[in-house]
Amino acid sequence: MVRHKPVFTAIIGISWFWFVGAVYTTQLPTFTQIHLGGNDNVFNLMLALFSIGIAAGSVLCAKFSRERLMLAWVTVGALGLTVCGLVLVWLTHGHRFEGLNGIFWFLSQGWAYPVMAVMTLIGFFGGFFSVPLYTWLQTASSETFRARAVAANNIVNGIFMVSAAVLSAVLLFLFDSISLLYLIVALGNIPLSVFLIKRERRFLGAAAIRKKP
């Protein structure tokens, strides 16, 4: 699989998307309680906004791409994930609640709306990040190799999700800070983006060469 560089790169990118999603969603209940002061209803609201953002981003990315492979959207998505992740940490820095409050209390807080918007945008840019990579995975693999590529993608996705759980557990044990965990994930998009951009240029160059007579 590593020898098929475009396929391998697409799988790493997709797996990173699942890694980021796993960190955000698994820690969101505790994040909601500690930094937003919300109960399960507030958590459900935040999770719904995150999911709606992914759906909207995926649909718009597919529409803007017009059934073409446009890997530039991956860079846009990664940049958006980084900026919005940092903004989320900044908005909730210093927020630490003891009790749990309901959704009406949460919606009555002025600071809640920027937080909700940023959570939606994290999902939105996640959609922009992932859709071209899935398209790339399919177009970069031949028909005879595609089934194995998809199977390998599922396996690596699972490994990254388990790694997300392990990393979360270790960092929370050492520092007891979900904000720090979210900060590290947001910053982690930067080296991942550099890796993808370098591999993307090589892939496009190889594709152009193969098309020459």
N, C-alpha and C. Protein backbone atom coordinates (compact mmCIF):
# COMPACT_ATOMS: atom_id res chain seq x y z
N MET A 1 0.82 -1.21 0.00
CA MET A 1 0.00 0.00 0.00
C MET A 1 0.86 1.26 0.00
N VAL A 2 1.98 1.23 0.73
CA VAL A 2 2.85 2.40 0.80
C VAL A 2 3.44 2.72 -0.56
N ARG A 3 3.62 1.70 -1.40
CA ARG A 3 4.19 1.92 -2.73
C ARG A 3 3.24 2.73 -3.61
N HIS A 4 1.95 2.63 -3.38
CA HIS A 4 0.97 3.41 -4.12
C HIS A 4 0.84 4.76 -3.42
N LYS A 5 1.74 5.69 -3.75
CA LYS A 5 1.85 6.94 -2.99
C LYS A 5 0.57 7.76 -2.94
N PRO A 6 -0.14 7.97 -4.07
CA PRO A 6 -1.38 8.74 -3.99
C PRO A 6 -2.42 8.09 -3.08
N VAL A 7 -2.56 6.77 -3.19
CA VAL A 7 -3.53 6.05 -2.35
C VAL A 7 -3.13 6.16 -0.88
N PHE A 8 -1.85 5.94 -0.61
CA PHE A 8 -1.36 6.01 0.77
C PHE A 8 -1.59 7.40 1.35
N THR A 9 -1.31 8.44 0.55
CA THR A 9 -1.49 9.81 1.03
C THR A 9 -2.95 10.11 1.31
N ALA A 10 -3.83 9.67 0.42
CA ALA A 10 -5.27 9.88 0.64
C ALA A 10 -5.73 9.18 1.91
N ILE A 11 -5.25 7.97 2.14
CA ILE A 11 -5.65 7.22 3.34
C ILE A 11 -5.17 7.93 4.60
N ILE A 12 -3.95 8.45 4.59
CA ILE A 12 -3.44 9.18 5.76
C ILE A 12 -4.30 10.41 6.02
N GLY A 13 -4.65 11.14 4.96
CA GLY A 13 -5.49 12.32 5.13
C GLY A 13 -6.86 11.99 5.67
N ILE A 14 -7.50 10.97 5.12
CA ILE A 14 -8.82 10.55 5.58
C ILE A 14 -8.76 10.09 7.03
N SER A 15 -7.73 9.35 7.35
CA SER A 15 -7.58 8.84 8.72
C SER A 15 -7.36 9.98 9.71
N TRP A 16 -6.66 11.01 9.28
CA TRP A 16 -6.49 12.18 10.15
C TRP A 16 -7.84 12.85 10.41
N PHE A 17 -8.69 12.89 9.39
CA PHE A 17 -10.04 13.44 9.57
C PHE A 17 -10.79 12.66 10.65
N TRP A 18 -10.70 11.34 10.62
CA TRP A 18 -11.36 10.52 11.63
C TRP A 18 -10.70 10.69 12.99
N PHE A 19 -9.40 10.90 13.00
CA PHE A 19 -8.68 11.16 14.25
C PHE A 19 -9.21 12.44 14.90
N VAL A 20 -9.28 13.50 14.12
CA VAL A 20 -9.77 14.78 14.63
C VAL A 20 -11.21 14.66 15.10
N GLY A 21 -12.05 14.02 14.28
CA GLY A 21 -13.44 13.84 14.66
C GLY A 21 -13.61 13.04 15.93
N ALA A 22 -12.77 12.01 16.08
CA ALA A 22 -12.86 11.17 17.28
C ALA A 22 -12.48 11.97 18.53
N VAL A 23 -11.45 12.80 18.43
CA VAL A 23 -11.03 13.60 19.58
C VAL A 23 -12.13 14.58 19.98
N TYR A 24 -12.68 15.27 19.00
CA TYR A 24 -13.71 16.27 19.31
C TYR A 24 -14.96 15.62 19.90
N THR A 25 -15.44 14.56 19.27
CA THR A 25 -16.72 13.99 19.70
C THR A 25 -16.62 13.22 21.01
N THR A 26 -15.52 12.50 21.22
CA THR A 26 -15.42 11.72 22.46
C THR A 26 -15.21 12.61 23.67
N GLN A 27 -14.55 13.74 23.49
CA GLN A 27 -14.30 14.65 24.61
C GLN A 27 -15.35 15.74 24.73
N LEU A 28 -16.27 15.81 23.77
CA LEU A 28 -17.27 16.87 23.78
C LEU A 28 -18.19 16.84 25.01
N PRO A 29 -18.62 15.67 25.50
CA PRO A 29 -19.46 15.68 26.71
C PRO A 29 -18.78 16.34 27.89
N THR A 30 -17.53 15.98 28.15
CA THR A 30 -16.80 16.57 29.27
C THR A 30 -16.49 18.03 29.01
N PHE A 31 -16.12 18.35 27.77
CA PHE A 31 -15.86 19.74 27.40
C PHE A 31 -17.09 20.60 27.63
N THR A 32 -18.25 20.08 27.26
CA THR A 32 -19.51 20.82 27.45
C THR A 32 -19.78 21.07 28.92
N GLN A 33 -19.54 20.07 29.75
CA GLN A 33 -19.79 20.23 31.18
C GLN A 33 -18.84 21.22 31.83
N ILE A 34 -17.55 21.07 31.55
CA ILE A 34 -16.54 21.88 32.24
C ILE A 34 -16.44 23.30 31.69
N HIS A 35 -16.37 23.43 30.38
CA HIS A 35 -16.08 24.73 29.77
C HIS A 35 -17.32 25.47 29.28
N LEU A 36 -18.44 24.78 29.15
CA LEU A 36 -19.68 25.44 28.73
C LEU A 36 -20.73 25.43 29.82
N GLY A 37 -20.53 24.65 30.85
CA GLY A 37 -21.48 24.58 31.95
C GLY A 37 -22.81 23.98 31.56
N GLY A 38 -22.81 23.14 30.54
CA GLY A 38 -24.06 22.60 30.01
C GLY A 38 -24.29 21.14 30.36
N ASN A 39 -25.55 20.75 30.36
CA ASN A 39 -25.92 19.36 30.63
C ASN A 39 -25.98 18.58 29.32
N ASP A 40 -26.62 17.41 29.37
CA ASP A 40 -26.68 16.54 28.19
C ASP A 40 -27.39 17.21 27.02
N ASN A 41 -28.37 18.05 27.29
CA ASN A 41 -29.07 18.73 26.20
C ASN A 41 -28.15 19.70 25.46
N VAL A 42 -27.30 20.37 26.20
CA VAL A 42 -26.33 21.27 25.57
C VAL A 42 -25.32 20.46 24.76
N PHE A 43 -24.89 19.34 25.30
CA PHE A 43 -23.99 18.46 24.55
C PHE A 43 -24.63 18.00 23.25
N ASN A 44 -25.89 17.58 23.31
CA ASN A 44 -26.59 17.14 22.10
C ASN A 44 -26.68 18.26 21.08
N LEU A 45 -26.88 19.48 21.55
CA LEU A 45 -26.92 20.63 20.65
C LEU A 45 -25.58 20.83 19.96
N MET A 46 -24.51 20.78 20.73
CA MET A 46 -23.18 20.98 20.16
C MET A 46 -22.83 19.86 19.18
N LEU A 47 -23.19 18.63 19.52
CA LEU A 47 -22.93 17.50 18.63
C LEU A 47 -23.73 17.64 17.34
N ALA A 48 -24.98 18.10 17.47
CA ALA A 48 -25.82 18.30 16.28
C ALA A 48 -25.23 19.38 15.38
N LEU A 49 -24.74 20.46 15.96
CA LEU A 49 -24.13 21.52 15.17
C LEU A 49 -22.87 21.02 14.45
N PHE A 50 -22.08 20.23 15.14
CA PHE A 50 -20.88 19.65 14.54
C PHE A 50 -21.26 18.75 13.35
N SER A 51 -22.29 17.92 13.53
CA SER A 51 -22.72 17.01 12.47
C SER A 51 -23.33 17.76 11.30
N ILE A 52 -24.13 18.79 11.60
CA ILE A 52 -24.72 19.61 10.53
C ILE A 52 -23.62 20.30 9.74
N GLY A 53 -22.60 20.76 10.44
CA GLY A 53 -21.48 21.40 9.76
C GLY A 53 -20.78 20.47 8.79
N ILE A 54 -20.55 19.23 9.21
CA ILE A 54 -19.91 18.25 8.32
C ILE A 54 -20.77 18.00 7.09
N ALA A 55 -22.07 17.83 7.30
CA ALA A 55 -22.98 17.57 6.18
C ALA A 55 -22.99 18.75 5.21
N ALA A 56 -23.10 19.97 5.75
CA ALA A 56 -23.14 21.15 4.89
C ALA A 56 -21.82 21.33 4.14
N GLY A 57 -20.71 21.15 4.83
CA GLY A 57 -19.41 21.28 4.17
C GLY A 57 -19.21 20.25 3.08
N SER A 58 -19.65 19.03 3.33
CA SER A 58 -19.50 17.96 2.34
C SER A 58 -20.32 18.26 1.09
N VAL A 59 -21.56 18.70 1.30
CA VAL A 59 -22.45 19.00 0.17
C VAL A 59 -21.91 20.16 -0.66
N LEU A 60 -21.51 21.24 0.02
CA LEU A 60 -21.01 22.41 -0.70
C LEU A 60 -19.69 22.11 -1.41
N CYS A 61 -18.83 21.32 -0.78
CA CYS A 61 -17.57 20.97 -1.43
C CYS A 61 -17.82 20.17 -2.70
N ALA A 62 -18.75 19.22 -2.62
CA ALA A 62 -19.09 18.43 -3.81
C ALA A 62 -19.69 19.31 -4.90
N LYS A 63 -20.51 20.29 -4.47
CA LYS A 63 -21.14 21.18 -5.45
C LYS A 63 -20.11 22.08 -6.11
N PHE A 64 -19.21 22.65 -5.32
CA PHE A 64 -18.19 23.54 -5.87
C PHE A 64 -17.21 22.78 -6.76
N SER A 65 -16.96 21.52 -6.44
CA SER A 65 -16.02 20.73 -7.23
C SER A 65 -16.58 20.34 -8.58
N ARG A 66 -17.91 20.28 -8.69
CA ARG A 66 -18.58 19.94 -9.96
C ARG A 66 -18.07 18.62 -10.53
N GLU A 67 -18.02 17.61 -9.65
CA GLU A 67 -17.63 16.26 -10.02
C GLU A 67 -16.19 16.17 -10.53
N ARG A 68 -15.37 17.13 -10.14
CA ARG A 68 -13.94 17.09 -10.48
C ARG A 68 -13.13 16.92 -9.20
N LEU A 69 -11.94 16.38 -9.35
CA LEU A 69 -11.04 16.25 -8.20
C LEU A 69 -10.31 17.57 -8.01
N MET A 70 -10.63 18.27 -6.93
CA MET A 70 -10.02 19.57 -6.63
C MET A 70 -9.39 19.47 -5.24
N LEU A 71 -8.12 19.08 -5.22
CA LEU A 71 -7.43 18.87 -3.96
C LEU A 71 -7.15 20.16 -3.21
N ALA A 72 -7.33 21.30 -3.87
CA ALA A 72 -7.14 22.58 -3.18
C ALA A 72 -8.11 22.74 -2.02
N TRP A 73 -9.27 22.09 -2.13
CA TRP A 73 -10.25 22.18 -1.04
C TRP A 73 -9.73 21.50 0.23
N VAL A 74 -8.84 20.54 0.08
CA VAL A 74 -8.25 19.89 1.26
C VAL A 74 -7.45 20.91 2.06
N THR A 75 -6.69 21.74 1.36
CA THR A 75 -5.91 22.78 2.03
C THR A 75 -6.82 23.79 2.70
N VAL A 76 -7.90 24.17 2.02
CA VAL A 76 -8.88 25.09 2.62
C VAL A 76 -9.48 24.48 3.88
N GLY A 77 -9.84 23.20 3.79
CA GLY A 77 -10.42 22.53 4.95
C GLY A 77 -9.45 22.44 6.11
N ALA A 78 -8.19 22.12 5.83
CA ALA A 78 -7.19 22.01 6.89
C ALA A 78 -6.94 23.36 7.55
N LEU A 79 -6.89 24.41 6.74
CA LEU A 79 -6.70 25.76 7.29
C LEU A 79 -7.89 26.14 8.17
N GLY A 80 -9.09 25.84 7.69
CA GLY A 80 -10.28 26.14 8.48
C GLY A 80 -10.33 25.37 9.78
N LEU A 81 -9.94 24.09 9.74
CA LEU A 81 -9.90 23.28 10.96
C LEU A 81 -8.91 23.85 11.97
N THR A 82 -7.78 24.31 11.47
CA THR A 82 -6.77 24.87 12.37
C THR A 82 -7.25 26.16 13.02
N VAL A 83 -7.72 27.09 12.20
CA VAL A 83 -8.15 28.39 12.71
C VAL A 83 -9.33 28.24 13.66
N CYS A 84 -10.34 27.47 13.25
CA CYS A 84 -11.53 27.31 14.08
C CYS A 84 -11.22 26.56 15.37
N GLY A 85 -10.32 25.58 15.29
CA GLY A 85 -9.92 24.87 16.50
C GLY A 85 -9.25 25.79 17.50
N LEU A 86 -8.38 26.67 16.99
CA LEU A 86 -7.71 27.64 17.86
C LEU A 86 -8.70 28.64 18.44
N VAL A 87 -9.65 29.07 17.62
CA VAL A 87 -10.66 30.02 18.10
C VAL A 87 -11.53 29.40 19.18
N LEU A 88 -11.88 28.12 19.01
CA LEU A 88 -12.69 27.44 20.03
C LEU A 88 -11.96 27.42 21.37
N VAL A 89 -10.68 27.10 21.35
CA VAL A 89 -9.90 27.09 22.58
C VAL A 89 -9.83 28.49 23.18
N TRP A 90 -9.65 29.49 22.34
CA TRP A 90 -9.56 30.87 22.82
C TRP A 90 -10.88 31.34 23.42
N LEU A 91 -11.99 31.00 22.77
CA LEU A 91 -13.30 31.44 23.26
C LEU A 91 -13.65 30.83 24.61
N THR A 92 -13.21 29.61 24.85
CA THR A 92 -13.59 28.91 26.08
C THR A 92 -12.47 28.92 27.12
N HIS A 93 -11.36 29.56 26.81
CA HIS A 93 -10.25 29.62 27.78
C HIS A 93 -10.69 30.40 29.02
N GLY A 94 -10.49 29.82 30.17
CA GLY A 94 -10.89 30.47 31.41
C GLY A 94 -12.30 30.14 31.85
N HIS A 95 -13.08 29.50 30.97
CA HIS A 95 -14.43 29.05 31.34
C HIS A 95 -14.31 27.75 32.13
N ARG A 96 -14.78 27.76 33.34
CA ARG A 96 -14.76 26.53 34.14
C ARG A 96 -15.96 26.57 35.07
N PHE A 97 -16.90 25.68 34.83
CA PHE A 97 -18.16 25.68 35.56
C PHE A 97 -18.22 24.50 36.51
N GLU A 98 -18.90 24.70 37.62
CA GLU A 98 -19.09 23.64 38.61
C GLU A 98 -20.38 22.88 38.34
N GLY A 99 -21.48 23.62 38.21
CA GLY A 99 -22.78 22.99 38.02
C GLY A 99 -23.13 22.82 36.55
N LEU A 100 -24.18 22.05 36.30
CA LEU A 100 -24.65 21.80 34.94
C LEU A 100 -25.94 22.57 34.72
N ASN A 101 -26.01 23.27 33.61
CA ASN A 101 -27.17 24.09 33.29
C ASN A 101 -27.84 23.58 32.02
N GLY A 102 -29.11 23.94 31.87
CA GLY A 102 -29.89 23.47 30.74
C GLY A 102 -29.66 24.30 29.48
N ILE A 103 -30.35 23.90 28.43
CA ILE A 103 -30.13 24.51 27.13
C ILE A 103 -30.64 25.94 27.09
N PHE A 104 -31.73 26.25 27.83
CA PHE A 104 -32.25 27.62 27.82
C PHE A 104 -31.27 28.57 28.51
N TRP A 105 -30.64 28.12 29.57
CA TRP A 105 -29.61 28.93 30.21
C TRP A 105 -28.45 29.15 29.25
N PHE A 106 -28.05 28.09 28.58
CA PHE A 106 -26.92 28.18 27.65
C PHE A 106 -27.21 29.18 26.54
N LEU A 107 -28.41 29.12 25.98
CA LEU A 107 -28.78 30.02 24.89
C LEU A 107 -28.95 31.46 25.35
N SER A 108 -29.08 31.65 26.64
CA SER A 108 -29.22 33.02 27.17
C SER A 108 -27.87 33.69 27.38
N GLN A 109 -26.79 32.93 27.21
CA GLN A 109 -25.44 33.47 27.39
C GLN A 109 -24.92 34.01 26.06
N GLY A 110 -24.49 35.25 26.07
CA GLY A 110 -24.01 35.85 24.83
C GLY A 110 -22.80 35.15 24.24
N TRP A 111 -21.92 34.63 25.09
CA TRP A 111 -20.71 33.98 24.60
C TRP A 111 -20.99 32.63 23.95
N ALA A 112 -22.21 32.10 24.15
CA ALA A 112 -22.52 30.77 23.63
C ALA A 112 -22.62 30.76 22.10
N TYR A 113 -23.05 31.86 21.51
CA TYR A 113 -23.29 31.86 20.07
C TYR A 113 -22.01 31.82 19.24
N PRO A 114 -20.96 32.54 19.61
CA PRO A 114 -19.70 32.34 18.90
C PRO A 114 -19.16 30.91 19.04
N VAL A 115 -19.35 30.32 20.22
CA VAL A 115 -18.90 28.94 20.42
C VAL A 115 -19.68 27.99 19.52
N MET A 116 -20.99 28.18 19.43
CA MET A 116 -21.81 27.33 18.56
C MET A 116 -21.41 27.51 17.10
N ALA A 117 -21.15 28.75 16.70
CA ALA A 117 -20.76 29.02 15.32
C ALA A 117 -19.44 28.34 14.98
N VAL A 118 -18.48 28.43 15.90
CA VAL A 118 -17.17 27.83 15.66
C VAL A 118 -17.26 26.30 15.60
N MET A 119 -18.07 25.71 16.48
CA MET A 119 -18.24 24.26 16.44
C MET A 119 -18.85 23.82 15.12
N THR A 120 -19.81 24.59 14.61
CA THR A 120 -20.40 24.29 13.31
C THR A 120 -19.35 24.40 12.20
N LEU A 121 -18.52 25.43 12.28
CA LEU A 121 -17.50 25.65 11.26
C LEU A 121 -16.42 24.57 11.29
N ILE A 122 -16.12 24.04 12.47
CA ILE A 122 -15.16 22.94 12.54
C ILE A 122 -15.68 21.75 11.74
N GLY A 123 -16.95 21.42 11.94
CA GLY A 123 -17.55 20.36 11.14
C GLY A 123 -17.60 20.71 9.67
N PHE A 124 -17.92 21.98 9.36
CA PHE A 124 -18.02 22.44 7.97
C PHE A 124 -16.69 22.25 7.23
N PHE A 125 -15.62 22.72 7.84
CA PHE A 125 -14.31 22.58 7.18
C PHE A 125 -13.83 21.13 7.19
N GLY A 126 -14.31 20.35 8.15
CA GLY A 126 -14.02 18.92 8.11
C GLY A 126 -14.60 18.27 6.87
N GLY A 127 -15.80 18.71 6.47
CA GLY A 127 -16.40 18.22 5.24
C GLY A 127 -15.59 18.60 4.02
N PHE A 128 -15.11 19.84 3.97
CA PHE A 128 -14.27 20.28 2.85
C PHE A 128 -12.95 19.52 2.82
N PHE A 129 -12.46 19.16 3.99
CA PHE A 129 -11.20 18.43 4.07
C PHE A 129 -11.33 17.00 3.57
N SER A 130 -12.42 16.34 3.91
CA SER A 130 -12.54 14.90 3.67
C SER A 130 -13.05 14.53 2.29
N VAL A 131 -13.98 15.29 1.73
CA VAL A 131 -14.61 14.90 0.46
C VAL A 131 -13.60 14.74 -0.67
N PRO A 132 -12.70 15.70 -0.91
CA PRO A 132 -11.73 15.49 -2.00
C PRO A 132 -10.80 14.30 -1.76
N LEU A 133 -10.51 14.02 -0.49
CA LEU A 133 -9.63 12.89 -0.20
C LEU A 133 -10.30 11.56 -0.53
N TYR A 134 -11.59 11.45 -0.24
CA TYR A 134 -12.31 10.24 -0.62
C TYR A 134 -12.35 10.09 -2.14
N THR A 135 -12.56 11.21 -2.84
CA THR A 135 -12.55 11.17 -4.30
C THR A 135 -11.17 10.77 -4.81
N TRP A 136 -10.14 11.32 -4.20
CA TRP A 136 -8.77 11.00 -4.58
C TRP A 136 -8.47 9.53 -4.38
N LEU A 137 -8.94 8.98 -3.28
CA LEU A 137 -8.71 7.56 -3.00
C LEU A 137 -9.30 6.68 -4.11
N GLN A 138 -10.48 7.05 -4.59
CA GLN A 138 -11.15 6.25 -5.62
C GLN A 138 -10.50 6.43 -6.99
N THR A 139 -10.15 7.66 -7.32
CA THR A 139 -9.58 7.91 -8.65
C THR A 139 -8.12 7.48 -8.75
N ALA A 140 -7.42 7.46 -7.64
CA ALA A 140 -5.99 7.09 -7.67
C ALA A 140 -5.78 5.59 -7.71
N SER A 141 -6.80 4.83 -7.37
CA SER A 141 -6.67 3.37 -7.35
C SER A 141 -7.37 2.77 -8.57
N SER A 142 -6.76 1.78 -9.16
CA SER A 142 -7.36 1.10 -10.31
C SER A 142 -8.54 0.26 -9.86
N GLU A 143 -9.35 -0.17 -10.81
CA GLU A 143 -10.54 -0.96 -10.48
C GLU A 143 -10.17 -2.26 -9.77
N THR A 144 -9.07 -2.88 -10.18
CA THR A 144 -8.66 -4.14 -9.55
C THR A 144 -8.08 -3.93 -8.16
N PHE A 145 -7.59 -2.73 -7.90
CA PHE A 145 -6.94 -2.45 -6.62
C PHE A 145 -7.86 -1.70 -5.65
N ARG A 146 -8.98 -1.19 -6.16
CA ARG A 146 -9.83 -0.29 -5.37
C ARG A 146 -10.39 -0.94 -4.12
N ALA A 147 -10.81 -2.20 -4.22
CA ALA A 147 -11.39 -2.87 -3.05
C ALA A 147 -10.36 -2.99 -1.94
N ARG A 148 -9.13 -3.32 -2.29
CA ARG A 148 -8.07 -3.42 -1.27
C ARG A 148 -7.74 -2.05 -0.69
N ALA A 149 -7.81 -1.02 -1.54
CA ALA A 149 -7.54 0.34 -1.06
C ALA A 149 -8.59 0.77 -0.04
N VAL A 150 -9.85 0.48 -0.33
CA VAL A 150 -10.92 0.82 0.61
C VAL A 150 -10.78 0.04 1.91
N ALA A 151 -10.44 -1.24 1.79
CA ALA A 151 -10.25 -2.06 3.00
C ALA A 151 -9.09 -1.53 3.83
N ALA A 152 -7.99 -1.18 3.16
CA ALA A 152 -6.84 -0.62 3.88
C ALA A 152 -7.21 0.70 4.54
N ASN A 153 -8.01 1.50 3.85
CA ASN A 153 -8.45 2.77 4.41
C ASN A 153 -9.24 2.56 5.70
N ASN A 154 -10.14 1.59 5.69
CA ASN A 154 -10.94 1.31 6.89
C ASN A 154 -10.06 0.86 8.05
N ILE A 155 -9.06 0.05 7.75
CA ILE A 155 -8.16 -0.43 8.80
C ILE A 155 -7.36 0.73 9.41
N VAL A 156 -6.79 1.57 8.54
CA VAL A 156 -5.99 2.70 9.03
C VAL A 156 -6.88 3.70 9.77
N ASN A 157 -8.11 3.90 9.28
CA ASN A 157 -9.05 4.76 10.01
C ASN A 157 -9.23 4.28 11.44
N GLY A 158 -9.41 2.97 11.58
CA GLY A 158 -9.59 2.40 12.92
C GLY A 158 -8.37 2.60 13.79
N ILE A 159 -7.18 2.44 13.20
CA ILE A 159 -5.94 2.63 13.96
C ILE A 159 -5.83 4.08 14.44
N PHE A 160 -6.15 5.01 13.58
CA PHE A 160 -6.08 6.43 13.96
C PHE A 160 -7.10 6.76 15.04
N MET A 161 -8.28 6.17 14.98
CA MET A 161 -9.30 6.43 15.99
C MET A 161 -8.89 5.87 17.35
N VAL A 162 -8.29 4.68 17.33
CA VAL A 162 -7.76 4.12 18.58
C VAL A 162 -6.63 5.00 19.11
N SER A 163 -5.78 5.48 18.20
CA SER A 163 -4.69 6.37 18.61
C SER A 163 -5.23 7.65 19.22
N ALA A 164 -6.35 8.14 18.68
CA ALA A 164 -6.97 9.34 19.24
C ALA A 164 -7.42 9.11 20.67
N ALA A 165 -7.99 7.93 20.92
CA ALA A 165 -8.43 7.60 22.28
C ALA A 165 -7.25 7.48 23.23
N VAL A 166 -6.17 6.85 22.76
CA VAL A 166 -4.98 6.68 23.61
C VAL A 166 -4.34 8.03 23.91
N LEU A 167 -4.17 8.86 22.86
CA LEU A 167 -3.57 10.17 23.05
C LEU A 167 -4.41 11.02 24.00
N SER A 168 -5.72 10.97 23.84
CA SER A 168 -6.61 11.73 24.72
C SER A 168 -6.45 11.29 26.16
N ALA A 169 -6.41 9.98 26.38
CA ALA A 169 -6.28 9.46 27.74
C ALA A 169 -4.96 9.87 28.37
N VAL A 170 -3.88 9.80 27.59
CA VAL A 170 -2.56 10.15 28.13
C VAL A 170 -2.48 11.64 28.46
N LEU A 171 -2.92 12.49 27.54
CA LEU A 171 -2.84 13.93 27.77
C LEU A 171 -3.74 14.37 28.91
N LEU A 172 -4.93 13.78 29.00
CA LEU A 172 -5.82 14.14 30.10
C LEU A 172 -5.27 13.66 31.43
N PHE A 173 -4.60 12.52 31.42
CA PHE A 173 -3.99 12.01 32.66
C PHE A 173 -2.84 12.91 33.10
N LEU A 174 -2.05 13.38 32.13
CA LEU A 174 -0.87 14.19 32.46
C LEU A 174 -1.22 15.64 32.79
N PHE A 175 -2.16 16.21 32.03
CA PHE A 175 -2.41 17.65 32.15
C PHE A 175 -3.83 17.99 32.59
N ASP A 176 -4.74 17.02 32.51
CA ASP A 176 -6.14 17.24 32.91
C ASP A 176 -6.72 18.49 32.25
N SER A 177 -6.53 18.58 30.93
CA SER A 177 -7.00 19.77 30.21
C SER A 177 -7.50 19.37 28.82
N ILE A 178 -8.81 19.48 28.63
CA ILE A 178 -9.37 19.21 27.31
C ILE A 178 -9.00 20.33 26.35
N SER A 179 -8.90 21.55 26.86
CA SER A 179 -8.51 22.67 26.01
C SER A 179 -7.13 22.44 25.40
N LEU A 180 -6.21 21.91 26.18
CA LEU A 180 -4.87 21.60 25.66
C LEU A 180 -4.95 20.52 24.59
N LEU A 181 -5.79 19.54 24.81
CA LEU A 181 -5.97 18.47 23.83
C LEU A 181 -6.51 19.03 22.52
N TYR A 182 -7.54 19.88 22.60
CA TYR A 182 -8.10 20.51 21.40
C TYR A 182 -7.06 21.40 20.72
N LEU A 183 -6.24 22.07 21.51
CA LEU A 183 -5.20 22.93 20.96
C LEU A 183 -4.18 22.12 20.17
N ILE A 184 -3.76 21.00 20.72
CA ILE A 184 -2.78 20.14 20.04
C ILE A 184 -3.35 19.59 18.74
N VAL A 185 -4.61 19.20 18.76
CA VAL A 185 -5.24 18.68 17.54
C VAL A 185 -5.33 19.77 16.47
N ALA A 186 -5.70 20.98 16.88
CA ALA A 186 -5.79 22.09 15.93
C ALA A 186 -4.43 22.38 15.30
N LEU A 187 -3.40 22.42 16.11
CA LEU A 187 -2.05 22.68 15.59
C LEU A 187 -1.53 21.50 14.78
N GLY A 188 -2.02 20.30 15.08
CA GLY A 188 -1.59 19.12 14.34
C GLY A 188 -1.99 19.15 12.88
N ASN A 189 -2.98 19.98 12.54
CA ASN A 189 -3.37 20.11 11.14
C ASN A 189 -2.27 20.74 10.29
N ILE A 190 -1.39 21.51 10.91
CA ILE A 190 -0.37 22.23 10.15
C ILE A 190 0.65 21.27 9.52
N PRO A 191 1.34 20.42 10.31
CA PRO A 191 2.28 19.48 9.67
C PRO A 191 1.58 18.50 8.73
N LEU A 192 0.35 18.12 9.08
CA LEU A 192 -0.40 17.22 8.20
C LEU A 192 -0.66 17.89 6.86
N SER A 193 -0.99 19.19 6.89
CA SER A 193 -1.24 19.93 5.65
C SER A 193 0.02 20.02 4.80
N VAL A 194 1.15 20.27 5.44
CA VAL A 194 2.42 20.34 4.70
C VAL A 194 2.71 19.00 4.02
N PHE A 195 2.49 17.93 4.76
CA PHE A 195 2.69 16.58 4.21
C PHE A 195 1.79 16.35 2.99
N LEU A 196 0.52 16.70 3.11
CA LEU A 196 -0.42 16.48 2.01
C LEU A 196 -0.09 17.33 0.80
N ILE A 197 0.28 18.59 1.03
CA ILE A 197 0.59 19.47 -0.09
C ILE A 197 1.80 18.97 -0.88
N LYS A 198 2.82 18.52 -0.18
CA LYS A 198 4.00 17.98 -0.87
C LYS A 198 3.64 16.74 -1.67
N ARG A 199 2.86 15.86 -1.07
CA ARG A 199 2.49 14.63 -1.78
C ARG A 199 1.52 14.93 -2.91
N GLU A 200 0.69 15.92 -2.74
CA GLU A 200 -0.29 16.28 -3.77
C GLU A 200 0.41 16.76 -5.03
N ARG A 201 1.41 17.57 -4.91
CA ARG A 201 2.13 18.07 -6.08
C ARG A 201 2.80 16.92 -6.84
N ARG A 202 3.37 15.99 -6.13
CA ARG A 202 4.00 14.84 -6.77
C ARG A 202 2.96 14.00 -7.51
N PHE A 203 1.81 13.85 -6.89
CA PHE A 203 0.77 13.04 -7.52
C PHE A 203 0.27 13.69 -8.80
N LEU A 204 0.04 14.98 -8.79
CA LEU A 204 -0.44 15.67 -9.98
C LEU A 204 0.61 15.65 -11.08
N GLY A 205 1.88 15.75 -10.70
CA GLY A 205 2.93 15.68 -11.70
C GLY A 205 3.02 14.32 -12.34
N ALA A 206 2.90 13.26 -11.51
CA ALA A 206 2.94 11.89 -12.03
C ALA A 206 1.75 11.63 -12.93
N ALA A 207 0.58 12.18 -12.55
CA ALA A 207 -0.61 11.97 -13.36
C ALA A 207 -0.45 12.63 -14.72
N ALA A 208 0.13 13.84 -14.74
CA ALA A 208 0.32 14.55 -16.00
C ALA A 208 1.29 13.80 -16.91
N ILE A 209 2.30 13.23 -16.32
CA ILE A 209 3.27 12.47 -17.12
C ILE A 209 2.62 11.24 -17.74
N ARG A 210 1.78 10.58 -16.95
CA ARG A 210 1.15 9.36 -17.47
C ARG A 210 0.20 9.66 -18.62
N LYS A 211 -0.32 10.87 -18.67
CA LYS A 211 -1.27 11.19 -19.74
C LYS A 211 -0.57 11.54 -21.04
N LYS A 212 0.73 11.78 -20.98
CA LYS A 212 1.44 12.12 -22.21
C LYS A 212 1.59 10.88 -23.10
N PRO A 213 1.51 11.03 -24.41
CA PRO A 213 1.66 9.88 -25.31
C PRO A 213 3.08 9.35 -25.30
